[in-house]
C-alpha cells in the first residue's frame, strides 16, 4: 500500500500535468483537470470513477469510502492554516469535513486575499503536506545501541520508495499496474561504516 506522502506526491504530479479543477463536478469533462480531493483519490486508488464527471454526491461517497485517500486528504487539511468545517451527523455530534475543507480551500479567496490559491500554490501545499507526512513516519535514530538495521556492519540494506516524479515512463506504467519501485540507501544509523553508534562504542569500552 502506498504511503500517505507518496499519495500526496502523486496527486501533485497529476494536478501538474492535468490541471486543477475548482468548478462543478470533481473532474472537468472537457479538460480532464481534477479537483484536489479527486486527484488524491486517483493517486490512492489508481482508478477514475465515472461519477467524478457527473455525480458530485456519489463522488463524495466514493472518496469517503477510501481509507488511504481520506488519510491523505486529512493530512493536507491538517497542514493548512484554516480549520476544517464540521458536519452534524446526529444531534450534538459533529465531525470534521476534510473533503469540503481542501476543496473549498483550493477554490476560495482567503480572508484578506485577492484571489484563490494558484495551481502552483496548491501543488506546493500538497508537497509540503507530503513532507510533513514523511516526518511523522520517520524512524528516530537510536543512539544507545548497535544499528538496528544492520547490526553495526554498515550494509546497504535500507530501502526507500522512489518518488513518482523520479520514475522513468516505463516505471510509471508499472506503478499504474500496482508495482512499487525502491532504491537501497546506506544505513542511516551507521552512515555505511562498520562501527557501532558513538554511544554504544563508549559503553563497550567502559565495560
N, C-alpha and C. Protein backbone atom coordinates (compact mmCIF):
# COMPACT_ATOMS: atom_id res chain seq x y z
N UNK A 1 0.85 -1.19 0.00
CA UNK A 1 0.00 0.00 0.00
C UNK A 1 0.88 1.24 0.00
N UNK A 2 0.52 2.25 -0.78
CA UNK A 2 1.30 3.47 -0.86
C UNK A 2 1.21 4.25 0.44
N UNK A 3 2.30 4.95 0.75
CA UNK A 3 2.31 5.80 1.93
C UNK A 3 1.48 7.05 1.67
N UNK A 4 1.09 7.72 2.75
CA UNK A 4 0.35 8.97 2.62
C UNK A 4 1.17 9.99 1.85
N UNK A 5 2.46 10.08 2.16
CA UNK A 5 3.33 11.02 1.45
C UNK A 5 3.39 10.69 -0.04
N UNK A 6 3.49 9.42 -0.36
CA UNK A 6 3.53 9.01 -1.76
C UNK A 6 2.26 9.36 -2.50
N UNK A 7 1.12 9.16 -1.85
CA UNK A 7 -0.17 9.50 -2.46
C UNK A 7 -0.24 11.00 -2.74
N UNK A 8 0.18 11.81 -1.77
CA UNK A 8 0.12 13.25 -1.95
C UNK A 8 1.05 13.70 -3.09
N UNK A 9 2.22 13.10 -3.18
CA UNK A 9 3.14 13.48 -4.27
C UNK A 9 2.56 13.09 -5.63
N UNK A 10 1.92 11.93 -5.71
CA UNK A 10 1.31 11.54 -6.98
C UNK A 10 0.14 12.46 -7.33
N UNK A 11 -0.60 12.90 -6.31
CA UNK A 11 -1.70 13.84 -6.56
C UNK A 11 -1.15 15.17 -7.09
N UNK A 12 -0.06 15.64 -6.52
CA UNK A 12 0.56 16.88 -7.00
C UNK A 12 1.03 16.70 -8.45
N UNK A 13 1.58 15.54 -8.74
CA UNK A 13 2.03 15.26 -10.11
C UNK A 13 0.84 15.25 -11.07
N UNK A 14 -0.26 14.65 -10.66
CA UNK A 14 -1.44 14.58 -11.51
C UNK A 14 -1.97 15.98 -11.81
N UNK A 15 -2.04 16.84 -10.78
CA UNK A 15 -2.54 18.20 -10.98
C UNK A 15 -1.58 18.99 -11.87
N UNK A 16 -0.28 18.75 -11.70
CA UNK A 16 0.71 19.42 -12.54
C UNK A 16 0.46 19.15 -14.02
N UNK A 17 0.13 17.92 -14.35
CA UNK A 17 0.01 17.53 -15.75
C UNK A 17 -1.41 17.63 -16.29
N UNK A 18 -2.43 17.52 -15.43
CA UNK A 18 -3.80 17.57 -15.93
C UNK A 18 -4.50 18.87 -15.61
N UNK A 19 -3.96 19.64 -14.65
CA UNK A 19 -4.58 20.89 -14.28
C UNK A 19 -5.45 20.77 -13.04
N UNK A 20 -5.74 21.91 -12.42
CA UNK A 20 -6.56 21.96 -11.21
C UNK A 20 -7.97 22.40 -11.57
N UNK A 21 -8.95 21.62 -11.15
CA UNK A 21 -10.36 21.94 -11.41
C UNK A 21 -11.00 22.42 -10.12
N UNK A 22 -11.71 23.55 -10.19
CA UNK A 22 -12.37 24.08 -8.99
C UNK A 22 -13.84 24.40 -9.24
N UNK A 23 -14.39 23.87 -10.34
CA UNK A 23 -15.79 24.14 -10.65
C UNK A 23 -16.70 22.99 -10.28
N UNK A 24 -17.80 22.87 -11.00
CA UNK A 24 -18.76 21.80 -10.74
C UNK A 24 -18.14 20.44 -11.07
N UNK A 25 -18.60 19.42 -10.38
CA UNK A 25 -18.11 18.05 -10.51
C UNK A 25 -16.65 17.96 -10.01
N UNK A 26 -16.16 16.76 -9.88
CA UNK A 26 -14.82 16.56 -9.35
C UNK A 26 -13.75 16.49 -10.44
N UNK A 27 -14.14 16.16 -11.67
CA UNK A 27 -13.23 16.22 -12.80
C UNK A 27 -13.95 16.91 -13.94
N UNK A 28 -13.29 17.85 -14.59
CA UNK A 28 -13.88 18.57 -15.70
C UNK A 28 -13.90 17.68 -16.94
N UNK A 29 -15.07 17.52 -17.53
CA UNK A 29 -15.23 16.61 -18.67
C UNK A 29 -14.44 17.08 -19.89
N UNK A 30 -14.33 18.38 -20.10
CA UNK A 30 -13.69 18.88 -21.32
C UNK A 30 -12.17 18.92 -21.23
N UNK A 31 -11.63 19.13 -20.03
CA UNK A 31 -10.18 19.27 -19.89
C UNK A 31 -9.52 18.12 -19.13
N UNK A 32 -10.32 17.33 -18.40
CA UNK A 32 -9.81 16.26 -17.54
C UNK A 32 -9.03 16.79 -16.34
N UNK A 33 -9.09 18.10 -16.08
CA UNK A 33 -8.46 18.63 -14.88
C UNK A 33 -9.21 18.12 -13.66
N UNK A 34 -8.50 17.98 -12.54
CA UNK A 34 -9.07 17.31 -11.37
C UNK A 34 -9.13 18.24 -10.16
N UNK A 35 -10.19 18.10 -9.41
CA UNK A 35 -10.32 18.71 -8.09
C UNK A 35 -9.28 18.10 -7.14
N UNK A 36 -8.90 18.83 -6.11
CA UNK A 36 -7.87 18.35 -5.17
C UNK A 36 -8.23 16.98 -4.60
N UNK A 37 -9.45 16.85 -4.09
CA UNK A 37 -9.85 15.58 -3.48
C UNK A 37 -9.89 14.45 -4.50
N UNK A 38 -10.33 14.76 -5.72
CA UNK A 38 -10.36 13.74 -6.77
C UNK A 38 -8.95 13.30 -7.14
N UNK A 39 -8.03 14.27 -7.24
CA UNK A 39 -6.65 13.94 -7.57
C UNK A 39 -6.04 13.02 -6.50
N UNK A 40 -6.33 13.30 -5.25
CA UNK A 40 -5.80 12.45 -4.17
C UNK A 40 -6.41 11.06 -4.24
N UNK A 41 -7.71 10.97 -4.52
CA UNK A 41 -8.35 9.66 -4.65
C UNK A 41 -7.73 8.86 -5.78
N UNK A 42 -7.56 9.48 -6.94
CA UNK A 42 -6.99 8.77 -8.09
C UNK A 42 -5.56 8.33 -7.77
N UNK A 43 -4.80 9.18 -7.08
CA UNK A 43 -3.44 8.82 -6.69
C UNK A 43 -3.43 7.64 -5.73
N UNK A 44 -4.44 7.56 -4.87
CA UNK A 44 -4.50 6.48 -3.88
C UNK A 44 -5.01 5.18 -4.45
N UNK A 45 -6.03 5.25 -5.29
CA UNK A 45 -6.72 4.05 -5.76
C UNK A 45 -6.38 3.66 -7.21
N UNK A 46 -5.73 4.55 -7.94
CA UNK A 46 -5.32 4.31 -9.34
C UNK A 46 -6.52 3.93 -10.20
N UNK A 47 -7.65 4.54 -9.94
CA UNK A 47 -8.84 4.40 -10.78
C UNK A 47 -9.51 5.77 -10.87
N UNK A 48 -10.27 5.98 -11.94
CA UNK A 48 -11.01 7.24 -12.11
C UNK A 48 -12.49 6.89 -12.24
N UNK A 49 -13.25 6.97 -11.16
CA UNK A 49 -14.69 6.64 -11.26
C UNK A 49 -15.40 7.59 -12.22
N UNK A 50 -16.30 7.06 -13.03
CA UNK A 50 -17.01 7.90 -14.00
C UNK A 50 -17.91 8.91 -13.29
N UNK A 51 -18.28 8.59 -12.04
CA UNK A 51 -19.12 9.52 -11.28
C UNK A 51 -18.42 10.86 -11.03
N UNK A 52 -17.09 10.87 -11.07
CA UNK A 52 -16.35 12.11 -10.85
C UNK A 52 -16.69 13.16 -11.91
N UNK A 53 -17.20 12.72 -13.07
CA UNK A 53 -17.55 13.63 -14.16
C UNK A 53 -19.00 14.11 -14.08
N UNK A 54 -19.84 13.37 -13.34
CA UNK A 54 -21.28 13.61 -13.49
C UNK A 54 -22.07 13.70 -12.18
N UNK A 55 -21.55 13.16 -11.08
CA UNK A 55 -22.38 12.99 -9.88
C UNK A 55 -21.57 13.35 -8.64
N UNK A 56 -21.73 14.59 -8.17
CA UNK A 56 -20.94 15.05 -7.03
C UNK A 56 -21.29 14.30 -5.74
N UNK A 57 -22.55 14.01 -5.53
CA UNK A 57 -22.95 13.34 -4.29
C UNK A 57 -22.35 11.94 -4.20
N UNK A 58 -22.48 11.17 -5.27
CA UNK A 58 -21.89 9.83 -5.28
C UNK A 58 -20.37 9.91 -5.22
N UNK A 59 -19.79 10.91 -5.85
CA UNK A 59 -18.33 11.08 -5.81
C UNK A 59 -17.85 11.27 -4.38
N UNK A 60 -18.57 12.07 -3.63
CA UNK A 60 -18.20 12.28 -2.21
C UNK A 60 -18.21 10.95 -1.45
N UNK A 61 -19.21 10.13 -1.71
CA UNK A 61 -19.31 8.84 -1.03
C UNK A 61 -18.16 7.92 -1.44
N UNK A 62 -17.79 7.95 -2.72
CA UNK A 62 -16.70 7.11 -3.20
C UNK A 62 -15.38 7.52 -2.54
N UNK A 63 -15.13 8.82 -2.49
CA UNK A 63 -13.89 9.30 -1.88
C UNK A 63 -13.86 8.97 -0.40
N UNK A 64 -14.98 9.20 0.29
CA UNK A 64 -15.03 8.96 1.73
C UNK A 64 -14.84 7.49 2.08
N UNK A 65 -15.13 6.59 1.14
CA UNK A 65 -15.00 5.16 1.39
C UNK A 65 -13.57 4.65 1.22
N UNK A 66 -12.68 5.49 0.72
CA UNK A 66 -11.28 5.09 0.52
C UNK A 66 -10.44 5.53 1.71
N UNK A 67 -9.99 4.56 2.51
CA UNK A 67 -9.20 4.89 3.70
C UNK A 67 -7.89 5.59 3.34
N UNK A 68 -7.10 5.10 2.36
CA UNK A 68 -5.85 5.80 2.06
C UNK A 68 -6.08 7.20 1.51
N UNK A 69 -7.13 7.37 0.69
CA UNK A 69 -7.41 8.71 0.17
C UNK A 69 -7.81 9.66 1.29
N UNK A 70 -8.66 9.19 2.20
CA UNK A 70 -9.10 10.06 3.29
C UNK A 70 -7.94 10.39 4.24
N UNK A 71 -7.04 9.44 4.45
CA UNK A 71 -5.88 9.73 5.30
C UNK A 71 -5.04 10.84 4.67
N UNK A 72 -4.84 10.77 3.35
CA UNK A 72 -4.06 11.80 2.66
C UNK A 72 -4.79 13.13 2.63
N UNK A 73 -6.11 13.11 2.43
CA UNK A 73 -6.90 14.34 2.44
C UNK A 73 -6.84 14.99 3.81
N UNK A 74 -6.92 14.18 4.86
CA UNK A 74 -6.83 14.75 6.20
C UNK A 74 -5.44 15.33 6.45
N UNK A 75 -4.40 14.67 5.96
CA UNK A 75 -3.04 15.19 6.13
C UNK A 75 -2.91 16.56 5.48
N UNK A 76 -3.49 16.71 4.27
CA UNK A 76 -3.47 18.02 3.62
C UNK A 76 -4.29 19.02 4.42
N UNK A 77 -5.47 18.62 4.85
CA UNK A 77 -6.33 19.51 5.63
C UNK A 77 -5.62 19.99 6.90
N UNK A 78 -4.96 19.07 7.59
CA UNK A 78 -4.27 19.43 8.84
C UNK A 78 -3.10 20.37 8.61
N UNK A 79 -2.54 20.37 7.39
CA UNK A 79 -1.38 21.21 7.11
C UNK A 79 -1.76 22.63 6.71
N UNK A 80 -3.03 22.85 6.43
CA UNK A 80 -3.47 24.19 6.01
C UNK A 80 -3.63 25.11 7.21
N UNK A 81 -3.63 26.41 6.94
CA UNK A 81 -3.72 27.38 8.05
C UNK A 81 -5.16 27.76 8.36
N UNK A 82 -6.12 27.00 7.86
CA UNK A 82 -7.52 27.17 8.22
C UNK A 82 -8.03 25.86 8.79
N UNK A 83 -9.12 25.94 9.53
CA UNK A 83 -9.68 24.75 10.15
C UNK A 83 -10.77 24.13 9.27
N UNK A 84 -10.88 22.82 9.36
CA UNK A 84 -11.94 22.13 8.63
C UNK A 84 -13.29 22.48 9.23
N UNK A 85 -14.29 22.65 8.37
CA UNK A 85 -15.64 22.85 8.86
C UNK A 85 -16.15 21.52 9.42
N UNK A 86 -17.23 21.57 10.16
CA UNK A 86 -17.78 20.35 10.74
C UNK A 86 -19.19 20.12 10.23
N UNK A 87 -19.57 18.86 10.21
CA UNK A 87 -20.92 18.46 9.80
C UNK A 87 -21.57 17.71 10.95
N UNK A 88 -22.80 18.06 11.30
CA UNK A 88 -23.52 17.39 12.37
C UNK A 88 -24.14 16.11 11.81
N UNK A 89 -23.63 14.95 12.25
CA UNK A 89 -24.15 13.68 11.73
C UNK A 89 -25.34 13.19 12.55
N UNK A 90 -25.34 13.50 13.83
CA UNK A 90 -26.51 13.29 14.69
C UNK A 90 -26.55 14.48 15.63
N UNK A 91 -27.71 14.79 16.21
CA UNK A 91 -27.80 15.95 17.09
C UNK A 91 -26.72 15.92 18.18
N UNK A 92 -25.94 17.00 18.24
CA UNK A 92 -24.91 17.12 19.27
C UNK A 92 -23.59 16.46 18.94
N UNK A 93 -23.47 15.87 17.74
CA UNK A 93 -22.22 15.18 17.39
C UNK A 93 -21.75 15.65 16.02
N UNK A 94 -20.67 16.44 16.02
CA UNK A 94 -20.10 16.99 14.79
C UNK A 94 -18.83 16.26 14.41
N UNK A 95 -18.58 16.13 13.11
CA UNK A 95 -17.34 15.54 12.62
C UNK A 95 -16.74 16.49 11.59
N UNK A 96 -15.41 16.58 11.53
CA UNK A 96 -14.78 17.46 10.54
C UNK A 96 -15.05 16.97 9.12
N UNK A 97 -15.24 17.91 8.21
CA UNK A 97 -15.46 17.58 6.80
C UNK A 97 -14.17 17.92 6.05
N UNK A 98 -13.27 16.96 5.99
CA UNK A 98 -11.95 17.21 5.40
C UNK A 98 -12.02 17.39 3.88
N UNK A 99 -12.93 16.67 3.22
CA UNK A 99 -13.05 16.81 1.77
C UNK A 99 -13.49 18.23 1.42
N UNK A 100 -14.53 18.70 2.06
CA UNK A 100 -15.01 20.06 1.79
C UNK A 100 -13.93 21.08 2.10
N UNK A 101 -13.17 20.83 3.17
CA UNK A 101 -12.13 21.78 3.57
C UNK A 101 -11.09 21.97 2.46
N UNK A 102 -10.54 20.86 1.96
CA UNK A 102 -9.48 21.01 0.96
C UNK A 102 -10.03 21.52 -0.37
N UNK A 103 -11.25 21.11 -0.73
CA UNK A 103 -11.84 21.58 -1.99
C UNK A 103 -12.13 23.07 -1.93
N UNK A 104 -12.74 23.52 -0.82
CA UNK A 104 -13.06 24.95 -0.69
C UNK A 104 -11.79 25.79 -0.59
N UNK A 105 -10.77 25.26 0.10
CA UNK A 105 -9.51 26.00 0.21
C UNK A 105 -8.92 26.28 -1.17
N UNK A 106 -8.95 25.29 -2.04
CA UNK A 106 -8.35 25.45 -3.37
C UNK A 106 -9.17 26.37 -4.28
N UNK A 107 -10.45 26.54 -3.97
CA UNK A 107 -11.34 27.28 -4.87
C UNK A 107 -11.76 28.64 -4.35
N UNK A 108 -11.42 28.98 -3.10
CA UNK A 108 -11.98 30.16 -2.46
C UNK A 108 -10.90 31.19 -2.15
N UNK A 109 -11.23 32.46 -2.37
CA UNK A 109 -10.32 33.54 -1.99
C UNK A 109 -10.25 33.63 -0.47
N UNK A 110 -9.05 33.56 0.11
CA UNK A 110 -8.95 33.60 1.57
C UNK A 110 -9.26 34.99 2.12
N UNK A 111 -9.53 35.05 3.43
CA UNK A 111 -9.75 36.33 4.10
C UNK A 111 -8.51 37.21 3.91
N UNK A 112 -8.75 38.45 3.55
CA UNK A 112 -7.68 39.43 3.27
C UNK A 112 -6.92 39.10 1.98
N UNK A 113 -7.36 38.11 1.22
CA UNK A 113 -6.73 37.79 -0.05
C UNK A 113 -7.45 38.46 -1.20
N UNK A 114 -6.88 38.34 -2.39
CA UNK A 114 -7.49 38.94 -3.59
C UNK A 114 -7.88 37.89 -4.62
N UNK A 115 -7.48 36.64 -4.41
CA UNK A 115 -7.78 35.58 -5.37
C UNK A 115 -7.62 34.24 -4.68
N UNK A 116 -8.20 33.19 -5.23
CA UNK A 116 -7.97 31.83 -4.69
C UNK A 116 -6.50 31.44 -4.90
N UNK A 117 -6.04 30.38 -4.23
CA UNK A 117 -4.67 29.92 -4.47
C UNK A 117 -4.47 29.56 -5.94
N UNK A 118 -3.29 29.87 -6.47
CA UNK A 118 -2.97 29.47 -7.83
C UNK A 118 -2.70 27.96 -7.86
N UNK A 119 -2.68 27.41 -9.07
CA UNK A 119 -2.39 25.98 -9.20
C UNK A 119 -1.03 25.65 -8.59
N UNK A 120 -0.04 26.48 -8.83
CA UNK A 120 1.29 26.21 -8.28
C UNK A 120 1.28 26.30 -6.76
N UNK A 121 0.48 27.19 -6.19
CA UNK A 121 0.39 27.29 -4.73
C UNK A 121 -0.29 26.05 -4.15
N UNK A 122 -1.31 25.55 -4.84
CA UNK A 122 -1.98 24.33 -4.40
C UNK A 122 -1.01 23.15 -4.44
N UNK A 123 -0.27 23.03 -5.53
CA UNK A 123 0.71 21.95 -5.65
C UNK A 123 1.76 22.06 -4.56
N UNK A 124 2.23 23.28 -4.30
CA UNK A 124 3.22 23.48 -3.24
C UNK A 124 2.70 23.05 -1.87
N UNK A 125 1.44 23.38 -1.59
CA UNK A 125 0.84 22.99 -0.30
C UNK A 125 0.73 21.48 -0.18
N UNK A 126 0.37 20.81 -1.28
CA UNK A 126 0.27 19.35 -1.26
C UNK A 126 1.64 18.73 -1.01
N UNK A 127 2.67 19.26 -1.65
CA UNK A 127 4.02 18.72 -1.46
C UNK A 127 4.53 18.98 -0.04
N UNK A 128 4.18 20.11 0.54
CA UNK A 128 4.57 20.38 1.94
C UNK A 128 3.85 19.41 2.88
N UNK A 129 2.59 19.11 2.58
CA UNK A 129 1.86 18.12 3.39
C UNK A 129 2.52 16.75 3.28
N UNK A 130 3.04 16.43 2.09
CA UNK A 130 3.75 15.15 1.90
C UNK A 130 5.01 15.12 2.75
N UNK A 131 5.74 16.22 2.79
CA UNK A 131 6.94 16.29 3.62
C UNK A 131 6.59 16.11 5.09
N UNK A 132 5.50 16.74 5.51
CA UNK A 132 5.07 16.59 6.91
C UNK A 132 4.68 15.15 7.21
N UNK A 133 4.03 14.49 6.25
CA UNK A 133 3.65 13.08 6.45
C UNK A 133 4.89 12.21 6.54
N UNK A 134 5.90 12.51 5.73
CA UNK A 134 7.17 11.78 5.83
C UNK A 134 7.78 11.92 7.22
N UNK A 135 7.76 13.14 7.74
CA UNK A 135 8.36 13.40 9.04
C UNK A 135 7.65 12.64 10.16
N UNK A 136 6.33 12.49 10.01
CA UNK A 136 5.57 11.79 11.05
C UNK A 136 5.88 10.30 11.08
N UNK A 137 6.27 9.74 9.93
CA UNK A 137 6.52 8.30 9.86
C UNK A 137 8.00 7.96 9.92
N UNK A 138 8.86 8.99 10.00
CA UNK A 138 10.30 8.73 10.05
C UNK A 138 10.67 8.00 11.34
N UNK A 139 11.58 7.03 11.23
CA UNK A 139 12.04 6.28 12.40
C UNK A 139 13.16 7.05 13.07
N UNK A 140 13.03 7.40 14.35
CA UNK A 140 14.10 8.14 15.01
C UNK A 140 15.37 7.30 15.13
N UNK A 141 16.50 7.96 15.04
CA UNK A 141 17.79 7.28 15.16
C UNK A 141 18.02 6.88 16.60
N UNK A 142 18.32 5.62 16.80
CA UNK A 142 18.63 5.12 18.13
C UNK A 142 20.14 5.27 18.37
N UNK A 143 20.51 6.03 19.38
CA UNK A 143 21.91 6.31 19.61
C UNK A 143 22.47 5.54 20.78
N UNK A 144 21.74 4.61 21.34
CA UNK A 144 22.21 3.94 22.55
C UNK A 144 22.56 2.47 22.32
N UNK A 145 22.57 2.01 21.06
CA UNK A 145 22.87 0.62 20.82
C UNK A 145 23.38 0.44 19.40
N UNK A 146 23.72 -0.78 19.03
CA UNK A 146 24.15 -1.03 17.66
C UNK A 146 23.04 -0.66 16.69
N UNK A 147 23.45 -0.39 15.47
CA UNK A 147 22.48 -0.05 14.43
C UNK A 147 21.39 -1.11 14.38
N UNK A 148 20.13 -0.67 14.45
CA UNK A 148 19.02 -1.61 14.44
C UNK A 148 18.83 -2.26 13.06
N UNK A 149 19.30 -1.58 12.01
CA UNK A 149 19.09 -2.09 10.66
C UNK A 149 20.12 -3.14 10.28
N UNK A 150 21.41 -2.82 10.52
CA UNK A 150 22.46 -3.72 10.02
C UNK A 150 23.33 -4.30 11.12
N UNK A 151 23.00 -4.02 12.39
CA UNK A 151 23.79 -4.57 13.48
C UNK A 151 25.18 -3.99 13.59
N UNK A 152 25.40 -2.81 13.01
CA UNK A 152 26.71 -2.18 13.11
C UNK A 152 27.65 -2.53 11.98
N UNK A 153 27.18 -3.20 10.92
CA UNK A 153 28.05 -3.62 9.84
C UNK A 153 27.99 -2.71 8.62
N UNK A 154 27.15 -1.71 8.63
CA UNK A 154 27.13 -0.75 7.55
C UNK A 154 26.62 -1.28 6.22
N UNK A 155 25.80 -2.30 6.24
CA UNK A 155 25.31 -2.88 4.98
C UNK A 155 24.31 -1.95 4.31
N UNK A 156 24.24 -2.00 2.99
CA UNK A 156 23.26 -1.20 2.25
C UNK A 156 21.95 -1.98 2.21
N UNK A 157 21.23 -1.92 3.32
CA UNK A 157 20.06 -2.78 3.44
C UNK A 157 18.76 -1.99 3.59
N UNK A 158 18.84 -0.69 3.68
CA UNK A 158 17.63 0.09 3.83
C UNK A 158 17.06 0.44 2.47
N UNK A 159 15.75 0.24 2.26
CA UNK A 159 15.10 0.56 1.00
C UNK A 159 14.09 1.67 1.21
N UNK A 160 14.04 2.60 0.27
CA UNK A 160 13.02 3.64 0.28
C UNK A 160 12.30 3.63 -1.06
N UNK A 161 11.02 4.00 -1.05
CA UNK A 161 10.26 4.06 -2.29
C UNK A 161 10.72 5.26 -3.11
N UNK A 162 10.92 5.05 -4.40
CA UNK A 162 11.36 6.13 -5.28
C UNK A 162 10.17 7.05 -5.55
N UNK A 163 10.31 8.37 -5.35
CA UNK A 163 9.20 9.29 -5.63
C UNK A 163 8.72 9.16 -7.07
N UNK A 164 7.43 9.33 -7.26
CA UNK A 164 6.83 9.13 -8.59
C UNK A 164 7.49 10.00 -9.64
N UNK A 165 7.81 11.28 -9.25
CA UNK A 165 8.35 12.19 -10.24
C UNK A 165 9.77 11.79 -10.69
N UNK A 166 10.42 10.87 -9.99
CA UNK A 166 11.76 10.43 -10.37
C UNK A 166 11.72 9.13 -11.19
N UNK A 167 10.56 8.56 -11.38
CA UNK A 167 10.46 7.31 -12.13
C UNK A 167 10.55 7.56 -13.63
N UNK A 168 11.02 6.55 -14.34
CA UNK A 168 11.03 6.62 -15.80
C UNK A 168 9.61 6.38 -16.31
N UNK A 169 9.35 6.75 -17.58
CA UNK A 169 8.00 6.50 -18.13
C UNK A 169 7.59 5.03 -18.02
N UNK A 170 8.51 4.09 -18.24
CA UNK A 170 8.17 2.68 -18.13
C UNK A 170 7.83 2.31 -16.68
N UNK A 171 8.59 2.86 -15.72
CA UNK A 171 8.30 2.59 -14.32
C UNK A 171 6.94 3.18 -13.91
N UNK A 172 6.60 4.33 -14.45
CA UNK A 172 5.31 4.93 -14.13
C UNK A 172 4.16 4.06 -14.64
N UNK A 173 4.37 3.42 -15.78
CA UNK A 173 3.37 2.47 -16.25
C UNK A 173 3.25 1.30 -15.28
N UNK A 174 4.39 0.86 -14.73
CA UNK A 174 4.35 -0.22 -13.75
C UNK A 174 3.60 0.20 -12.49
N UNK A 175 3.79 1.45 -12.04
CA UNK A 175 3.08 1.95 -10.86
C UNK A 175 1.58 1.92 -11.11
N UNK A 176 1.17 2.26 -12.32
CA UNK A 176 -0.26 2.24 -12.66
C UNK A 176 -0.84 0.85 -12.57
N UNK A 177 0.02 -0.18 -12.64
CA UNK A 177 -0.43 -1.56 -12.52
C UNK A 177 -0.09 -2.16 -11.16
N UNK A 178 0.21 -1.30 -10.20
CA UNK A 178 0.38 -1.75 -8.82
C UNK A 178 1.81 -2.09 -8.40
N UNK A 179 2.80 -1.86 -9.27
CA UNK A 179 4.18 -2.17 -8.91
C UNK A 179 4.77 -1.04 -8.07
N UNK A 180 5.76 -1.37 -7.26
CA UNK A 180 6.45 -0.40 -6.43
C UNK A 180 7.94 -0.47 -6.73
N UNK A 181 8.57 0.69 -6.81
CA UNK A 181 9.99 0.75 -7.12
C UNK A 181 10.73 1.38 -5.94
N UNK A 182 11.80 0.73 -5.50
CA UNK A 182 12.56 1.21 -4.37
C UNK A 182 14.04 1.29 -4.73
N UNK A 183 14.79 2.02 -3.91
CA UNK A 183 16.24 2.06 -4.06
C UNK A 183 16.87 1.82 -2.70
N UNK A 184 18.04 1.18 -2.70
CA UNK A 184 18.76 0.93 -1.46
C UNK A 184 19.58 2.16 -1.09
N UNK A 185 19.63 2.42 0.22
CA UNK A 185 20.41 3.56 0.70
C UNK A 185 21.30 3.08 1.84
N UNK A 186 22.41 3.79 2.11
CA UNK A 186 23.25 3.42 3.25
C UNK A 186 22.46 3.50 4.54
N UNK A 187 22.77 2.61 5.43
CA UNK A 187 22.08 2.59 6.72
C UNK A 187 22.21 3.96 7.40
N UNK A 188 21.10 4.61 7.76
CA UNK A 188 21.19 5.95 8.36
C UNK A 188 21.77 5.94 9.76
N UNK A 189 21.81 4.77 10.42
CA UNK A 189 22.32 4.71 11.78
C UNK A 189 23.84 4.71 11.84
N UNK A 190 24.49 4.11 10.84
CA UNK A 190 25.95 3.99 10.92
C UNK A 190 26.63 4.60 9.71
N UNK A 191 25.85 5.30 8.83
CA UNK A 191 26.42 6.00 7.69
C UNK A 191 27.23 5.11 6.75
N UNK A 192 26.91 3.84 6.70
CA UNK A 192 27.60 2.95 5.78
C UNK A 192 28.93 2.44 6.26
N UNK A 193 29.30 2.73 7.51
CA UNK A 193 30.58 2.27 8.04
C UNK A 193 30.37 1.11 9.01
N UNK A 194 31.41 0.30 9.17
CA UNK A 194 31.34 -0.88 10.04
C UNK A 194 31.71 -0.47 11.46
N UNK A 195 30.78 0.13 12.13
CA UNK A 195 31.02 0.51 13.52
C UNK A 195 29.70 0.65 14.25
N UNK A 196 29.75 0.67 15.54
CA UNK A 196 28.55 0.89 16.34
C UNK A 196 28.31 2.39 16.44
N UNK A 197 27.16 2.77 16.96
CA UNK A 197 26.91 4.19 17.17
C UNK A 197 27.86 4.69 18.25
N UNK A 198 28.17 5.99 18.30
CA UNK A 198 29.16 6.51 19.27
C UNK A 198 28.88 6.14 20.71
N UNK A 199 27.61 6.22 21.12
CA UNK A 199 27.30 5.90 22.50
C UNK A 199 27.52 4.43 22.79
N UNK A 200 27.17 3.59 21.81
CA UNK A 200 27.39 2.15 22.01
C UNK A 200 28.87 1.83 22.11
N UNK A 201 29.71 2.51 21.34
CA UNK A 201 31.16 2.30 21.43
C UNK A 201 31.68 2.69 22.81
N UNK A 202 31.18 3.82 23.31
CA UNK A 202 31.63 4.27 24.64
C UNK A 202 31.20 3.27 25.71
N UNK A 203 29.97 2.73 25.58
CA UNK A 203 29.50 1.75 26.55
C UNK A 203 30.32 0.48 26.49
N UNK A 204 30.71 0.07 25.26
CA UNK A 204 31.53 -1.13 25.12
C UNK A 204 32.90 -0.95 25.75
N UNK A 205 33.49 0.24 25.57
CA UNK A 205 34.82 0.50 26.15
C UNK A 205 34.75 0.52 27.67
N UNK A 206 33.66 1.08 28.21
CA UNK A 206 33.51 1.16 29.67
C UNK A 206 33.34 -0.22 30.26
N UNK A 207 32.72 -1.15 29.52
CA UNK A 207 32.51 -2.50 30.03
C UNK A 207 33.82 -3.25 30.07
